[in-house]
Amino acid sequence: MTKKTIEQIETSLTRWKTRLRRAMTMIDKLEKQQRRLVRKRDTYEQPPLAPRPRLTEAEQVAEPVLRKVAGMPSTGAVLVAAPAADDIPAFLRRQSSPSPVAEQIKAEIEEKKRLKARGRIATMKAKKAGETRKMPLTGRAALAAIRSAE
Protein backbone atom coordinates (compact mmCIF):
# COMPACT_ATOMS: atom_id res chain seq x y z
CA MET A 1 0.00 0.00 0.00
CA THR A 2 1.31 3.38 -0.96
CA LYS A 3 1.59 6.20 1.52
CA LYS A 4 -1.15 8.77 1.16
CA THR A 5 -1.00 12.39 2.06
CA ILE A 6 -3.37 13.97 4.51
CA GLU A 7 -5.19 15.80 1.70
CA GLN A 8 -5.79 12.54 -0.18
CA ILE A 9 -7.14 10.86 2.94
CA GLU A 10 -9.47 13.83 3.62
CA THR A 11 -10.89 13.80 0.06
CA SER A 12 -11.32 10.05 0.27
CA LEU A 13 -13.14 10.40 3.60
CA THR A 14 -15.51 13.07 2.28
CA ARG A 15 -16.31 10.91 -0.78
CA TRP A 16 -17.03 7.85 1.38
CA LYS A 17 -19.12 9.88 3.85
CA THR A 18 -21.25 11.15 0.96
CA ARG A 19 -21.79 7.59 -0.21
CA LEU A 20 -22.64 6.58 3.35
CA ARG A 21 -25.26 9.38 3.63
CA ARG A 22 -26.85 8.33 0.34
CA ALA A 23 -26.91 4.70 1.46
CA MET A 24 -28.46 5.58 4.83
CA THR A 25 -31.12 7.73 3.13
CA MET A 26 -32.02 4.86 0.82
CA ILE A 27 -32.13 2.43 3.74
CA ASP A 28 -34.50 4.80 5.61
CA LYS A 29 -36.78 5.08 2.57
CA LEU A 30 -36.92 1.32 2.11
CA GLU A 31 -37.64 0.70 5.80
CA LYS A 32 -40.51 3.23 5.75
CA GLN A 33 -41.95 1.63 2.62
CA GLN A 34 -41.71 -1.80 4.24
CA ARG A 35 -43.52 -0.56 7.37
CA ARG A 36 -46.32 0.95 5.25
CA LEU A 37 -46.80 -2.28 3.31
CA VAL A 38 -46.83 -4.39 6.49
CA ARG A 39 -49.41 -2.05 8.07
CA LYS A 40 -51.55 -2.23 4.94
CA ARG A 41 -51.33 -6.03 4.82
CA ASP A 42 -52.27 -6.31 8.51
CA THR A 43 -55.39 -4.17 8.09
CA TYR A 44 -56.66 -6.31 5.21
CA GLU A 45 -55.89 -9.65 6.85
CA GLN A 46 -58.14 -9.41 9.90
CA PRO A 47 -59.76 -12.59 11.16
CA PRO A 48 -63.38 -13.09 10.04
CA LEU A 49 -66.09 -12.10 12.50
CA ALA A 50 -68.13 -14.73 14.29
CA PRO A 51 -71.63 -15.22 12.83
CA ARG A 52 -74.45 -13.41 14.60
CA PRO A 53 -76.89 -15.60 16.50
CA ARG A 54 -80.51 -15.61 15.33
CA LEU A 55 -82.96 -13.87 17.64
CA THR A 56 -86.15 -15.53 18.75
CA GLU A 57 -89.47 -13.76 18.29
CA ALA A 58 -89.58 -12.93 21.98
CA GLU A 59 -86.16 -11.25 21.74
CA GLN A 60 -87.13 -9.33 18.58
CA VAL A 61 -90.24 -7.86 20.18
CA ALA A 62 -88.64 -7.31 23.60
CA GLU A 63 -87.67 -3.95 25.07
CA PRO A 64 -84.45 -2.31 23.84
CA VAL A 65 -81.56 -4.61 24.57
CA LEU A 66 -77.87 -4.05 24.10
CA ARG A 67 -76.37 -7.32 22.91
CA LYS A 68 -72.70 -8.05 22.99
CA VAL A 69 -71.72 -11.11 21.03
CA ALA A 70 -68.52 -12.80 22.07
CA GLY A 71 -65.66 -11.98 19.75
CA MET A 72 -67.44 -9.06 18.06
CA PRO A 73 -66.53 -5.44 18.68
CA SER A 74 -69.20 -3.46 20.47
CA THR A 75 -70.78 -0.89 18.17
CA GLY A 76 -73.20 0.40 20.75
CA ALA A 77 -76.12 -0.86 18.64
CA VAL A 78 -79.45 -1.02 20.36
CA LEU A 79 -82.24 -3.36 19.33
CA VAL A 80 -85.49 -1.39 19.48
CA ALA A 81 -88.98 -2.76 18.94
CA ALA A 82 -91.02 -0.82 16.37
CA PRO A 83 -93.43 1.57 18.09
CA ALA A 84 -97.13 1.06 17.61
CA ALA A 85 -98.97 3.43 15.25
CA ASP A 86 -100.74 5.05 18.20
CA ASP A 87 -97.42 6.06 19.80
CA ILE A 88 -96.42 8.29 16.85
CA PRO A 89 -97.63 11.89 17.10
CA ALA A 90 -99.99 13.02 14.33
CA PHE A 91 -97.58 15.58 12.87
CA LEU A 92 -94.91 12.88 12.41
CA ARG A 93 -97.16 10.28 10.78
CA ARG A 94 -96.85 9.75 7.07
CA GLN A 95 -99.85 10.82 5.12
CA SER A 96 -101.37 8.44 2.59
CA SER A 97 -101.55 11.16 -0.09
CA PRO A 98 -99.07 14.00 -0.52
CA SER A 99 -100.28 17.51 0.19
CA PRO A 100 -101.44 19.73 -2.71
CA VAL A 101 -98.67 22.22 -1.90
CA ALA A 102 -96.06 19.51 -2.39
CA GLU A 103 -97.67 18.53 -5.69
CA GLN A 104 -97.61 22.16 -6.83
CA ILE A 105 -93.92 22.51 -5.95
CA LYS A 106 -93.07 19.32 -7.83
CA ALA A 107 -95.00 20.55 -10.88
CA GLU A 108 -93.10 23.86 -10.81
CA ILE A 109 -89.76 22.03 -10.60
CA GLU A 110 -90.70 19.81 -13.55
CA GLU A 111 -91.77 22.85 -15.60
CA LYS A 112 -88.43 24.58 -14.90
CA LYS A 113 -86.60 21.43 -16.01
CA ARG A 114 -88.60 21.33 -19.26
CA LEU A 115 -87.90 25.01 -19.98
CA LYS A 116 -84.19 24.57 -19.31
CA ALA A 117 -84.07 21.57 -21.63
CA ARG A 118 -85.80 23.56 -24.40
CA GLY A 119 -83.26 26.37 -23.96
CA ARG A 120 -80.34 23.95 -24.16
CA ILE A 121 -81.77 22.35 -27.30
CA ALA A 122 -82.32 25.75 -28.94
CA THR A 123 -78.76 26.81 -28.13
CA MET A 124 -77.38 23.55 -29.50
CA LYS A 125 -79.34 23.94 -32.76
CA ALA A 126 -78.19 27.57 -33.09
CA LYS A 127 -74.56 26.53 -32.68
CA LYS A 128 -74.90 23.83 -35.34
CA ALA A 129 -76.56 26.24 -37.76
CA GLY A 130 -73.91 28.92 -37.11
CA GLU A 131 -76.45 31.40 -35.75
CA THR A 132 -74.28 32.22 -32.72
CA ARG A 133 -71.44 33.50 -34.94
CA LYS A 134 -73.52 35.88 -37.06
CA MET A 135 -73.20 39.61 -36.60
CA PRO A 136 -76.28 41.34 -35.15
CA LEU A 137 -78.62 43.11 -37.55
CA THR A 138 -78.17 46.86 -38.00
CA GLY A 139 -79.88 49.62 -39.89
CA ARG A 140 -82.62 48.75 -42.40
CA ALA A 141 -82.27 45.00 -41.79
CA ALA A 142 -82.89 45.48 -38.05
CA LEU A 143 -85.93 47.66 -38.74
CA ALA A 144 -87.29 45.07 -41.17
CA ALA A 145 -86.80 42.29 -38.62
CA ILE A 146 -88.58 44.31 -35.93
CA ARG A 147 -91.51 45.12 -38.26
CA SER A 148 -91.86 41.49 -39.36
CA ALA A 149 -91.87 40.28 -35.74
CA GLU A 150 -94.82 42.54 -34.87
C-alpha atoms as a PDB file:
ATOM      1  CA  MET A   1       0.000   0.000   0.000  1.00  0.00           C
ATOM      2  CA  THR A   2       1.312   3.381  -0.960  1.00  0.00           C
ATOM      3  CA  LYS A   3       1.587   6.195   1.517  1.00  0.00           C
ATOM      4  CA  LYS A   4      -1.150   8.774   1.162  1.00  0.00           C
ATOM      5  CA  THR A   5      -0.999  12.387   2.059  1.00  0.00           C
ATOM      6  CA  ILE A   6      -3.372  13.972   4.513  1.00  0.00           C
ATOM      7  CA  GLU A   7      -5.186  15.800   1.696  1.00  0.00           C
ATOM      8  CA  GLN A   8      -5.792  12.541  -0.185  1.00  0.00           C
ATOM      9  CA  ILE A   9      -7.143  10.863   2.940  1.00  0.00           C
ATOM     10  CA  GLU A  10      -9.470  13.827   3.617  1.00  0.00           C
ATOM     11  CA  THR A  11     -10.888  13.796   0.063  1.00  0.00           C
ATOM     12  CA  SER A  12     -11.319  10.052   0.270  1.00  0.00           C
ATOM     13  CA  LEU A  13     -13.139  10.396   3.603  1.00  0.00           C
ATOM     14  CA  THR A  14     -15.515  13.068   2.281  1.00  0.00           C
ATOM     15  CA  ARG A  15     -16.309  10.913  -0.779  1.00  0.00           C
ATOM     16  CA  TRP A  16     -17.031   7.851   1.383  1.00  0.00           C
ATOM     17  CA  LYS A  17     -19.121   9.883   3.846  1.00  0.00           C
ATOM     18  CA  THR A  18     -21.253  11.152   0.958  1.00  0.00           C
ATOM     19  CA  ARG A  19     -21.787   7.595  -0.213  1.00  0.00           C
ATOM     20  CA  LEU A  20     -22.641   6.584   3.350  1.00  0.00           C
ATOM     21  CA  ARG A  21     -25.261   9.375   3.633  1.00  0.00           C
ATOM     22  CA  ARG A  22     -26.854   8.335   0.342  1.00  0.00           C
ATOM     23  CA  ALA A  23     -26.908   4.705   1.457  1.00  0.00           C
ATOM     24  CA  MET A  24     -28.456   5.584   4.828  1.00  0.00           C
ATOM     25  CA  THR A  25     -31.116   7.727   3.132  1.00  0.00           C
ATOM     26  CA  MET A  26     -32.019   4.861   0.819  1.00  0.00           C
ATOM     27  CA  ILE A  27     -32.132   2.435   3.739  1.00  0.00           C
ATOM     28  CA  ASP A  28     -34.497   4.799   5.611  1.00  0.00           C
ATOM     29  CA  LYS A  29     -36.783   5.083   2.574  1.00  0.00           C
ATOM     30  CA  LEU A  30     -36.916   1.321   2.109  1.00  0.00           C
ATOM     31  CA  GLU A  31     -37.642   0.697   5.800  1.00  0.00           C
ATOM     32  CA  LYS A  32     -40.513   3.228   5.751  1.00  0.00           C
ATOM     33  CA  GLN A  33     -41.950   1.627   2.620  1.00  0.00           C
ATOM     34  CA  GLN A  34     -41.706  -1.800   4.239  1.00  0.00           C
ATOM     35  CA  ARG A  35     -43.522  -0.563   7.370  1.00  0.00           C
ATOM     36  CA  ARG A  36     -46.320   0.947   5.250  1.00  0.00           C
ATOM     37  CA  LEU A  37     -46.799  -2.278   3.313  1.00  0.00           C
ATOM     38  CA  VAL A  38     -46.827  -4.394   6.491  1.00  0.00           C
ATOM     39  CA  ARG A  39     -49.414  -2.053   8.066  1.00  0.00           C
ATOM     40  CA  LYS A  40     -51.550  -2.228   4.938  1.00  0.00           C
ATOM     41  CA  ARG A  41     -51.328  -6.032   4.821  1.00  0.00           C
ATOM     42  CA  ASP A  42     -52.266  -6.309   8.506  1.00  0.00           C
ATOM     43  CA  THR A  43     -55.386  -4.165   8.086  1.00  0.00           C
ATOM     44  CA  TYR A  44     -56.664  -6.312   5.214  1.00  0.00           C
ATOM     45  CA  GLU A  45     -55.886  -9.649   6.848  1.00  0.00           C
ATOM     46  CA  GLN A  46     -58.137  -9.406   9.899  1.00  0.00           C
ATOM     47  CA  PRO A  47     -59.762 -12.595  11.157  1.00  0.00           C
ATOM     48  CA  PRO A  48     -63.384 -13.095  10.041  1.00  0.00           C
ATOM     49  CA  LEU A  49     -66.092 -12.099  12.499  1.00  0.00           C
ATOM     50  CA  ALA A  50     -68.128 -14.728  14.286  1.00  0.00           C
ATOM     51  CA  PRO A  51     -71.632 -15.225  12.832  1.00  0.00           C
ATOM     52  CA  ARG A  52     -74.452 -13.407  14.599  1.00  0.00           C
ATOM     53  CA  PRO A  53     -76.886 -15.605  16.496  1.00  0.00           C
ATOM     54  CA  ARG A  54     -80.509 -15.611  15.334  1.00  0.00           C
ATOM     55  CA  LEU A  55     -82.958 -13.875  17.636  1.00  0.00           C
ATOM     56  CA  THR A  56     -86.148 -15.534  18.746  1.00  0.00           C
ATOM     57  CA  GLU A  57     -89.472 -13.755  18.292  1.00  0.00           C
ATOM     58  CA  ALA A  58     -89.579 -12.931  21.978  1.00  0.00           C
ATOM     59  CA  GLU A  59     -86.161 -11.246  21.738  1.00  0.00           C
ATOM     60  CA  GLN A  60     -87.125  -9.329  18.582  1.00  0.00           C
ATOM     61  CA  VAL A  61     -90.241  -7.859  20.180  1.00  0.00           C
ATOM     62  CA  ALA A  62     -88.641  -7.312  23.595  1.00  0.00           C
ATOM     63  CA  GLU A  63     -87.672  -3.949  25.067  1.00  0.00           C
ATOM     64  CA  PRO A  64     -84.452  -2.310  23.840  1.00  0.00           C
ATOM     65  CA  VAL A  65     -81.562  -4.607  24.575  1.00  0.00           C
ATOM     66  CA  LEU A  66     -77.875  -4.054  24.103  1.00  0.00           C
ATOM     67  CA  ARG A  67     -76.374  -7.316  22.912  1.00  0.00           C
ATOM     68  CA  LYS A  68     -72.696  -8.049  22.985  1.00  0.00           C
ATOM     69  CA  VAL A  69     -71.715 -11.108  21.028  1.00  0.00           C
ATOM     70  CA  ALA A  70     -68.516 -12.799  22.066  1.00  0.00           C
ATOM     71  CA  GLY A  71     -65.664 -11.981  19.746  1.00  0.00           C
ATOM     72  CA  MET A  72     -67.439  -9.058  18.056  1.00  0.00           C
ATOM     73  CA  PRO A  73     -66.532  -5.441  18.682  1.00  0.00           C
ATOM     74  CA  SER A  74     -69.195  -3.462  20.471  1.00  0.00           C
ATOM     75  CA  THR A  75     -70.780  -0.886  18.171  1.00  0.00           C
ATOM     76  CA  GLY A  76     -73.203   0.401  20.748  1.00  0.00           C
ATOM     77  CA  ALA A  77     -76.116  -0.859  18.644  1.00  0.00           C
ATOM     78  CA  VAL A  78     -79.450  -1.024  20.358  1.00  0.00           C
ATOM     79  CA  LEU A  79     -82.244  -3.360  19.326  1.00  0.00           C
ATOM     80  CA  VAL A  80     -85.487  -1.394  19.478  1.00  0.00           C
ATOM     81  CA  ALA A  81     -88.976  -2.759  18.937  1.00  0.00           C
ATOM     82  CA  ALA A  82     -91.015  -0.823  16.370  1.00  0.00           C
ATOM     83  CA  PRO A  83     -93.429   1.572  18.086  1.00  0.00           C
ATOM     84  CA  ALA A  84     -97.130   1.061  17.614  1.00  0.00           C
ATOM     85  CA  ALA A  85     -98.966   3.427  15.254  1.00  0.00           C
ATOM     86  CA  ASP A  86    -100.740   5.052  18.201  1.00  0.00           C
ATOM     87  CA  ASP A  87     -97.416   6.058  19.798  1.00  0.00           C
ATOM     88  CA  ILE A  88     -96.416   8.290  16.847  1.00  0.00           C
ATOM     89  CA  PRO A  89     -97.628  11.891  17.104  1.00  0.00           C
ATOM     90  CA  ALA A  90     -99.991  13.017  14.334  1.00  0.00           C
ATOM     91  CA  PHE A  91     -97.579  15.578  12.868  1.00  0.00           C
ATOM     92  CA  LEU A  92     -94.906  12.879  12.410  1.00  0.00           C
ATOM     93  CA  ARG A  93     -97.160  10.282  10.781  1.00  0.00           C
ATOM     94  CA  ARG A  94     -96.846   9.754   7.070  1.00  0.00           C
ATOM     95  CA  GLN A  95     -99.852  10.816   5.120  1.00  0.00           C
ATOM     96  CA  SER A  96    -101.365   8.444   2.589  1.00  0.00           C
ATOM     97  CA  SER A  97    -101.554  11.160  -0.093  1.00  0.00           C
ATOM     98  CA  PRO A  98     -99.074  14.005  -0.519  1.00  0.00           C
ATOM     99  CA  SER A  99    -100.283  17.505   0.190  1.00  0.00           C
ATOM    100  CA  PRO A 100    -101.441  19.735  -2.707  1.00  0.00           C
ATOM    101  CA  VAL A 101     -98.670  22.217  -1.901  1.00  0.00           C
ATOM    102  CA  ALA A 102     -96.057  19.510  -2.388  1.00  0.00           C
ATOM    103  CA  GLU A 103     -97.669  18.533  -5.691  1.00  0.00           C
ATOM    104  CA  GLN A 104     -97.608  22.158  -6.835  1.00  0.00           C
ATOM    105  CA  ILE A 105     -93.924  22.513  -5.948  1.00  0.00           C
ATOM    106  CA  LYS A 106     -93.071  19.317  -7.830  1.00  0.00           C
ATOM    107  CA  ALA A 107     -95.001  20.548 -10.880  1.00  0.00           C
ATOM    108  CA  GLU A 108     -93.101  23.864 -10.814  1.00  0.00           C
ATOM    109  CA  ILE A 109     -89.763  22.032 -10.603  1.00  0.00           C
ATOM    110  CA  GLU A 110     -90.704  19.812 -13.550  1.00  0.00           C
ATOM    111  CA  GLU A 111     -91.766  22.850 -15.598  1.00  0.00           C
ATOM    112  CA  LYS A 112     -88.431  24.580 -14.902  1.00  0.00           C
ATOM    113  CA  LYS A 113     -86.598  21.433 -16.013  1.00  0.00           C
ATOM    114  CA  ARG A 114     -88.604  21.330 -19.257  1.00  0.00           C
ATOM    115  CA  LEU A 115     -87.902  25.006 -19.982  1.00  0.00           C
ATOM    116  CA  LYS A 116     -84.190  24.570 -19.315  1.00  0.00           C
ATOM    117  CA  ALA A 117     -84.074  21.566 -21.633  1.00  0.00           C
ATOM    118  CA  ARG A 118     -85.805  23.557 -24.398  1.00  0.00           C
ATOM    119  CA  GLY A 119     -83.263  26.369 -23.960  1.00  0.00           C
ATOM    120  CA  ARG A 120     -80.344  23.945 -24.159  1.00  0.00           C
ATOM    121  CA  ILE A 121     -81.773  22.352 -27.299  1.00  0.00           C
ATOM    122  CA  ALA A 122     -82.322  25.749 -28.936  1.00  0.00           C
ATOM    123  CA  THR A 123     -78.758  26.806 -28.128  1.00  0.00           C
ATOM    124  CA  MET A 124     -77.380  23.548 -29.504  1.00  0.00           C
ATOM    125  CA  LYS A 125     -79.342  23.941 -32.757  1.00  0.00           C
ATOM    126  CA  ALA A 126     -78.186  27.566 -33.087  1.00  0.00           C
ATOM    127  CA  LYS A 127     -74.557  26.531 -32.682  1.00  0.00           C
ATOM    128  CA  LYS A 128     -74.903  23.828 -35.337  1.00  0.00           C
ATOM    129  CA  ALA A 129     -76.559  26.239 -37.761  1.00  0.00           C
ATOM    130  CA  GLY A 130     -73.914  28.918 -37.112  1.00  0.00           C
ATOM    131  CA  GLU A 131     -76.447  31.405 -35.749  1.00  0.00           C
ATOM    132  CA  THR A 132     -74.275  32.216 -32.725  1.00  0.00           C
ATOM    133  CA  ARG A 133     -71.441  33.502 -34.944  1.00  0.00           C
ATOM    134  CA  LYS A 134     -73.516  35.881 -37.065  1.00  0.00           C
ATOM    135  CA  MET A 135     -73.203  39.614 -36.597  1.00  0.00           C
ATOM    136  CA  PRO A 136     -76.275  41.341 -35.152  1.00  0.00           C
ATOM    137  CA  LEU A 137     -78.620  43.107 -37.548  1.00  0.00           C
ATOM    138  CA  THR A 138     -78.169  46.860 -37.998  1.00  0.00           C
ATOM    139  CA  GLY A 139     -79.878  49.618 -39.890  1.00  0.00           C
ATOM    140  CA  ARG A 140     -82.623  48.753 -42.404  1.00  0.00           C
ATOM    141  CA  ALA A 141     -82.273  45.004 -41.794  1.00  0.00           C
ATOM    142  CA  ALA A 142     -82.889  45.484 -38.055  1.00  0.00           C
ATOM    143  CA  LEU A 143     -85.933  47.656 -38.737  1.00  0.00           C
ATOM    144  CA  ALA A 144     -87.291  45.070 -41.174  1.00  0.00           C
ATOM    145  CA  ALA A 145     -86.799  42.292 -38.621  1.00  0.00           C
ATOM    146  CA  ILE A 146     -88.580  44.311 -35.927  1.00  0.00           C
ATOM    147  CA  ARG A 147     -91.510  45.122 -38.256  1.00  0.00           C
ATOM    148  CA  SER A 148     -91.858  41.489 -39.356  1.00  0.00           C
ATOM    149  CA  ALA A 149     -91.871  40.282 -35.741  1.00  0.00           C
ATOM    150  CA  GLU A 150     -94.822  42.542 -34.865  1.00  0.00           C
END
